[in-house]
Amino acid sequence: MNYFTIIVLLWIAVYTFGFAISLWKEKQKLGALAVFFLVLVIMVLPFLSVF
Protein backbone atom coordinates (compact mmCIF):
# COMPACT_ATOMS: atom_id res chain seq x y z
CA MET A 1 0.00 0.00 0.00
CA ASN A 2 2.89 2.33 0.72
CA TYR A 3 4.29 1.87 -2.79
CA PHE A 4 0.87 2.51 -4.29
CA THR A 5 0.65 5.84 -2.43
CA ILE A 6 4.08 6.91 -3.66
CA ILE A 7 3.26 5.97 -7.25
CA VAL A 8 -0.03 7.89 -7.15
CA LEU A 9 1.65 10.97 -5.67
CA LEU A 10 4.37 10.87 -8.32
CA TRP A 11 1.77 10.52 -11.08
CA ILE A 12 -0.17 13.54 -9.76
CA ALA A 13 3.04 15.56 -9.48
CA VAL A 14 4.13 14.72 -13.04
CA TYR A 15 0.69 15.56 -14.45
CA THR A 16 0.58 18.86 -12.54
CA PHE A 17 4.14 19.69 -13.62
CA GLY A 18 3.10 19.17 -17.24
CA PHE A 19 0.19 21.55 -16.72
CA ALA A 20 2.60 24.14 -15.30
CA ILE A 21 4.81 23.81 -18.37
CA SER A 22 1.82 24.34 -20.65
CA LEU A 23 0.90 27.47 -18.67
CA TRP A 24 4.48 28.74 -18.97
CA LYS A 25 4.38 28.27 -22.76
CA GLU A 26 1.12 30.24 -22.94
CA LYS A 27 2.89 33.21 -21.29
CA GLN A 28 0.98 32.86 -18.02
CA LYS A 29 4.06 33.06 -15.82
CA LEU A 30 2.32 33.84 -12.52
CA GLY A 31 -0.07 30.91 -12.86
CA ALA A 32 2.80 28.62 -13.83
CA LEU A 33 4.77 29.65 -10.75
CA ALA A 34 1.74 28.96 -8.55
CA VAL A 35 1.36 25.50 -10.07
CA PHE A 36 5.10 24.81 -9.64
CA PHE A 37 4.66 25.68 -5.96
CA LEU A 38 1.70 23.29 -5.84
CA VAL A 39 3.92 20.52 -7.26
CA LEU A 40 6.48 21.16 -4.53
CA VAL A 41 3.76 20.95 -1.88
CA ILE A 42 2.48 17.70 -3.39
CA MET A 43 5.97 16.23 -3.19
CA VAL A 44 6.90 17.40 0.34
CA LEU A 45 3.68 17.46 2.38
CA PRO A 46 2.92 13.70 2.38
CA PHE A 47 6.33 12.96 3.87
CA LEU A 48 5.57 15.32 6.75
CA SER A 49 2.07 14.07 7.45
CA VAL A 50 1.41 10.55 6.10
CA PHE A 51 4.77 8.81 6.21
PDB file of N, CA and C in Angstrom:
ATOM      1  N   MET A   1       0.820  -1.199   0.000  1.00  0.00           N
ATOM      2  CA  MET A   1       0.000   0.000   0.000  1.00  0.00           C
ATOM      3  C   MET A   1       0.863   1.262   0.000  1.00  0.00           C
ATOM      4  N   ASN A   2       1.988   1.198   0.658  1.00  0.00           N
ATOM      5  CA  ASN A   2       2.886   2.335   0.723  1.00  0.00           C
ATOM      6  C   ASN A   2       3.434   2.672  -0.660  1.00  0.00           C
ATOM      7  N   TYR A   3       3.787   1.639  -1.437  1.00  0.00           N
ATOM      8  CA  TYR A   3       4.287   1.867  -2.789  1.00  0.00           C
ATOM      9  C   TYR A   3       3.208   2.456  -3.687  1.00  0.00           C
ATOM     10  N   PHE A   4       1.984   1.990  -3.506  1.00  0.00           N
ATOM     11  CA  PHE A   4       0.867   2.513  -4.287  1.00  0.00           C
ATOM     12  C   PHE A   4       0.687   4.008  -4.029  1.00  0.00           C
ATOM     13  N   THR A   5       0.792   4.426  -2.788  1.00  0.00           N
ATOM     14  CA  THR A   5       0.651   5.836  -2.434  1.00  0.00           C
ATOM     15  C   THR A   5       1.744   6.667  -3.081  1.00  0.00           C
ATOM     16  N   ILE A   6       2.965   6.181  -3.050  1.00  0.00           N
ATOM     17  CA  ILE A   6       4.083   6.906  -3.663  1.00  0.00           C
ATOM     18  C   ILE A   6       3.901   7.020  -5.164  1.00  0.00           C
ATOM     19  N   ILE A   7       3.465   5.948  -5.803  1.00  0.00           N
ATOM     20  CA  ILE A   7       3.256   5.970  -7.251  1.00  0.00           C
ATOM     21  C   ILE A   7       2.148   6.961  -7.625  1.00  0.00           C
ATOM     22  N   VAL A   8       1.070   6.961  -6.864  1.00  0.00           N
ATOM     23  CA  VAL A   8      -0.027   7.891  -7.146  1.00  0.00           C
ATOM     24  C   VAL A   8       0.423   9.334  -6.958  1.00  0.00           C
ATOM     25  N   LEU A   9       1.164   9.611  -5.896  1.00  0.00           N
ATOM     26  CA  LEU A   9       1.646  10.972  -5.670  1.00  0.00           C
ATOM     27  C   LEU A   9       2.602  11.415  -6.774  1.00  0.00           C
ATOM     28  N   LEU A  10       3.465  10.528  -7.222  1.00  0.00           N
ATOM     29  CA  LEU A  10       4.369  10.868  -8.322  1.00  0.00           C
ATOM     30  C   LEU A  10       3.595  11.132  -9.604  1.00  0.00           C
ATOM     31  N   TRP A  11       2.578  10.321  -9.871  1.00  0.00           N
ATOM     32  CA  TRP A  11       1.767  10.521 -11.080  1.00  0.00           C
ATOM     33  C   TRP A  11       1.060  11.882 -11.040  1.00  0.00           C
ATOM     34  N   ILE A  12       0.500  12.242  -9.898  1.00  0.00           N
ATOM     35  CA  ILE A  12      -0.166  13.536  -9.759  1.00  0.00           C
ATOM     36  C   ILE A  12       0.838  14.669  -9.940  1.00  0.00           C
ATOM     37  N   ALA A  13       2.026  14.519  -9.369  1.00  0.00           N
ATOM     38  CA  ALA A  13       3.041  15.563  -9.479  1.00  0.00           C
ATOM     39  C   ALA A  13       3.500  15.728 -10.926  1.00  0.00           C
ATOM     40  N   VAL A  14       3.699  14.633 -11.647  1.00  0.00           N
ATOM     41  CA  VAL A  14       4.130  14.716 -13.044  1.00  0.00           C
ATOM     42  C   VAL A  14       3.047  15.370 -13.901  1.00  0.00           C
ATOM     43  N   TYR A  15       1.802  14.986 -13.690  1.00  0.00           N
ATOM     44  CA  TYR A  15       0.694  15.557 -14.446  1.00  0.00           C
ATOM     45  C   TYR A  15       0.572  17.058 -14.171  1.00  0.00           C
ATOM     46  N   THR A  16       0.686  17.452 -12.909  1.00  0.00           N
ATOM     47  CA  THR A  16       0.585  18.858 -12.543  1.00  0.00           C
ATOM     48  C   THR A  16       1.766  19.650 -13.077  1.00  0.00           C
ATOM     49  N   PHE A  17       2.953  19.040 -13.068  1.00  0.00           N
ATOM     50  CA  PHE A  17       4.142  19.691 -13.617  1.00  0.00           C
ATOM     51  C   PHE A  17       3.966  19.939 -15.118  1.00  0.00           C
ATOM     52  N   GLY A  18       3.383  18.992 -15.818  1.00  0.00           N
ATOM     53  CA  GLY A  18       3.100  19.174 -17.243  1.00  0.00           C
ATOM     54  C   GLY A  18       2.121  20.314 -17.482  1.00  0.00           C
ATOM     55  N   PHE A  19       1.132  20.433 -16.621  1.00  0.00           N
ATOM     56  CA  PHE A  19       0.188  21.548 -16.724  1.00  0.00           C
ATOM     57  C   PHE A  19       0.905  22.875 -16.501  1.00  0.00           C
ATOM     58  N   ALA A  20       1.847  22.910 -15.558  1.00  0.00           N
ATOM     59  CA  ALA A  20       2.600  24.141 -15.300  1.00  0.00           C
ATOM     60  C   ALA A  20       3.444  24.516 -16.517  1.00  0.00           C
ATOM     61  N   ILE A  21       4.020  23.531 -17.168  1.00  0.00           N
ATOM     62  CA  ILE A  21       4.815  23.813 -18.369  1.00  0.00           C
ATOM     63  C   ILE A  21       3.927  24.371 -19.477  1.00  0.00           C
ATOM     64  N   SER A  22       2.728  23.818 -19.623  1.00  0.00           N
ATOM     65  CA  SER A  22       1.824  24.342 -20.649  1.00  0.00           C
ATOM     66  C   SER A  22       1.396  25.777 -20.320  1.00  0.00           C
ATOM     67  N   LEU A  23       1.199  26.087 -19.045  1.00  0.00           N
ATOM     68  CA  LEU A  23       0.895  27.471 -18.667  1.00  0.00           C
ATOM     69  C   LEU A  23       2.064  28.395 -18.981  1.00  0.00           C
ATOM     70  N   TRP A  24       3.282  27.940 -18.724  1.00  0.00           N
ATOM     71  CA  TRP A  24       4.476  28.745 -18.972  1.00  0.00           C
ATOM     72  C   TRP A  24       4.596  29.055 -20.462  1.00  0.00           C
ATOM     73  N   LYS A  25       4.300  28.075 -21.309  1.00  0.00           N
ATOM     74  CA  LYS A  25       4.384  28.273 -22.760  1.00  0.00           C
ATOM     75  C   LYS A  25       3.317  29.234 -23.261  1.00  0.00           C
ATOM     76  N   GLU A  26       2.192  29.320 -22.562  1.00  0.00           N
ATOM     77  CA  GLU A  26       1.115  30.241 -22.935  1.00  0.00           C
ATOM     78  C   GLU A  26       1.328  31.633 -22.350  1.00  0.00           C
ATOM     79  N   LYS A  27       2.514  31.898 -21.837  1.00  0.00           N
ATOM     80  CA  LYS A  27       2.892  33.207 -21.285  1.00  0.00           C
ATOM     81  C   LYS A  27       2.102  33.585 -20.039  1.00  0.00           C
ATOM     82  N   GLN A  28       1.653  32.598 -19.289  1.00  0.00           N
ATOM     83  CA  GLN A  28       0.979  32.861 -18.017  1.00  0.00           C
ATOM     84  C   GLN A  28       1.956  32.495 -16.897  1.00  0.00           C
ATOM     85  N   LYS A  29       2.947  33.344 -16.721  1.00  0.00           N
ATOM     86  CA  LYS A  29       4.057  33.057 -15.818  1.00  0.00           C
ATOM     87  C   LYS A  29       3.616  32.957 -14.356  1.00  0.00           C
ATOM     88  N   LEU A  30       2.743  33.844 -13.917  1.00  0.00           N
ATOM     89  CA  LEU A  30       2.322  33.837 -12.516  1.00  0.00           C
ATOM     90  C   LEU A  30       1.546  32.561 -12.187  1.00  0.00           C
ATOM     91  N   GLY A  31       0.670  32.157 -13.070  1.00  0.00           N
ATOM     92  CA  GLY A  31      -0.071  30.911 -12.859  1.00  0.00           C
ATOM     93  C   GLY A  31       0.846  29.701 -12.875  1.00  0.00           C
ATOM     94  N   ALA A  32       1.845  29.726 -13.759  1.00  0.00           N
ATOM     95  CA  ALA A  32       2.795  28.623 -13.828  1.00  0.00           C
ATOM     96  C   ALA A  32       3.614  28.528 -12.543  1.00  0.00           C
ATOM     97  N   LEU A  33       4.020  29.664 -12.005  1.00  0.00           N
ATOM     98  CA  LEU A  33       4.775  29.648 -10.746  1.00  0.00           C
ATOM     99  C   LEU A  33       3.917  29.114  -9.595  1.00  0.00           C
ATOM    100  N   ALA A  34       2.647  29.464  -9.590  1.00  0.00           N
ATOM    101  CA  ALA A  34       1.743  28.958  -8.550  1.00  0.00           C
ATOM    102  C   ALA A  34       1.601  27.446  -8.665  1.00  0.00           C
ATOM    103  N   VAL A  35       1.507  26.935  -9.878  1.00  0.00           N
ATOM    104  CA  VAL A  35       1.364  25.498 -10.071  1.00  0.00           C
ATOM    105  C   VAL A  35       2.666  24.787  -9.734  1.00  0.00           C
ATOM    106  N   PHE A  36       3.825  25.384 -10.054  1.00  0.00           N
ATOM    107  CA  PHE A  36       5.104  24.807  -9.641  1.00  0.00           C
ATOM    108  C   PHE A  36       5.173  24.690  -8.119  1.00  0.00           C
ATOM    109  N   PHE A  37       4.702  25.729  -7.418  1.00  0.00           N
ATOM    110  CA  PHE A  37       4.663  25.677  -5.961  1.00  0.00           C
ATOM    111  C   PHE A  37       3.743  24.555  -5.482  1.00  0.00           C
ATOM    112  N   LEU A  38       2.618  24.368  -6.176  1.00  0.00           N
ATOM    113  CA  LEU A  38       1.699  23.286  -5.845  1.00  0.00           C
ATOM    114  C   LEU A  38       2.375  21.926  -6.011  1.00  0.00           C
ATOM    115  N   VAL A  39       3.186  21.767  -7.053  1.00  0.00           N
ATOM    116  CA  VAL A  39       3.920  20.519  -7.258  1.00  0.00           C
ATOM    117  C   VAL A  39       4.882  20.275  -6.099  1.00  0.00           C
ATOM    118  N   LEU A  40       5.571  21.313  -5.662  1.00  0.00           N
ATOM    119  CA  LEU A  40       6.480  21.156  -4.526  1.00  0.00           C
ATOM    120  C   LEU A  40       5.731  20.743  -3.268  1.00  0.00           C
ATOM    121  N   VAL A  41       4.567  21.321  -3.047  1.00  0.00           N
ATOM    122  CA  VAL A  41       3.761  20.954  -1.881  1.00  0.00           C
ATOM    123  C   VAL A  41       3.303  19.506  -1.987  1.00  0.00           C
ATOM    124  N   ILE A  42       2.906  19.089  -3.191  1.00  0.00           N
ATOM    125  CA  ILE A  42       2.478  17.704  -3.391  1.00  0.00           C
ATOM    126  C   ILE A  42       3.616  16.737  -3.079  1.00  0.00           C
ATOM    127  N   MET A  43       4.833  17.118  -3.400  1.00  0.00           N
ATOM    128  CA  MET A  43       5.974  16.229  -3.188  1.00  0.00           C
ATOM    129  C   MET A  43       6.430  16.201  -1.724  1.00  0.00           C
ATOM    130  N   VAL A  44       6.325  17.301  -1.010  1.00  0.00           N
ATOM    131  CA  VAL A  44       6.899  17.395   0.336  1.00  0.00           C
ATOM    132  C   VAL A  44       5.880  17.075   1.440  1.00  0.00           C
ATOM    133  N   LEU A  45       4.673  17.558   1.302  1.00  0.00           N
ATOM    134  CA  LEU A  45       3.680  17.457   2.378  1.00  0.00           C
ATOM    135  C   LEU A  45       3.368  16.024   2.810  1.00  0.00           C
ATOM    136  N   PRO A  46       3.225  15.048   1.909  1.00  0.00           N
ATOM    137  CA  PRO A  46       2.923  13.699   2.384  1.00  0.00           C
ATOM    138  C   PRO A  46       4.018  13.103   3.283  1.00  0.00           C
ATOM    139  N   PHE A  47       5.252  13.485   3.042  1.00  0.00           N
ATOM    140  CA  PHE A  47       6.325  12.957   3.867  1.00  0.00           C
ATOM    141  C   PHE A  47       6.284  13.551   5.268  1.00  0.00           C
ATOM    142  N   LEU A  48       5.682  14.704   5.422  1.00  0.00           N
ATOM    143  CA  LEU A  48       5.566  15.320   6.746  1.00  0.00           C
ATOM    144  C   LEU A  48       4.332  14.836   7.504  1.00  0.00           C
ATOM    145  N   SER A  49       3.311  14.409   6.766  1.00  0.00           N
ATOM    146  CA  SER A  49       2.072  14.067   7.449  1.00  0.00           C
ATOM    147  C   SER A  49       1.731  12.568   7.409  1.00  0.00           C
ATOM    148  N   VAL A  50       1.856  11.927   6.250  1.00  0.00           N
ATOM    149  CA  VAL A  50       1.406  10.550   6.102  1.00  0.00           C
ATOM    150  C   VAL A  50       2.502   9.563   6.496  1.00  0.00           C
ATOM    151  N   PHE A  51       3.693   9.771   5.970  1.00  0.00           N
ATOM    152  CA  PHE A  51       4.774   8.807   6.213  1.00  0.00           C
ATOM    153  C   PHE A  51       5.468   9.185   7.491  1.00  0.00           C
TER     154      PHE A  51
END
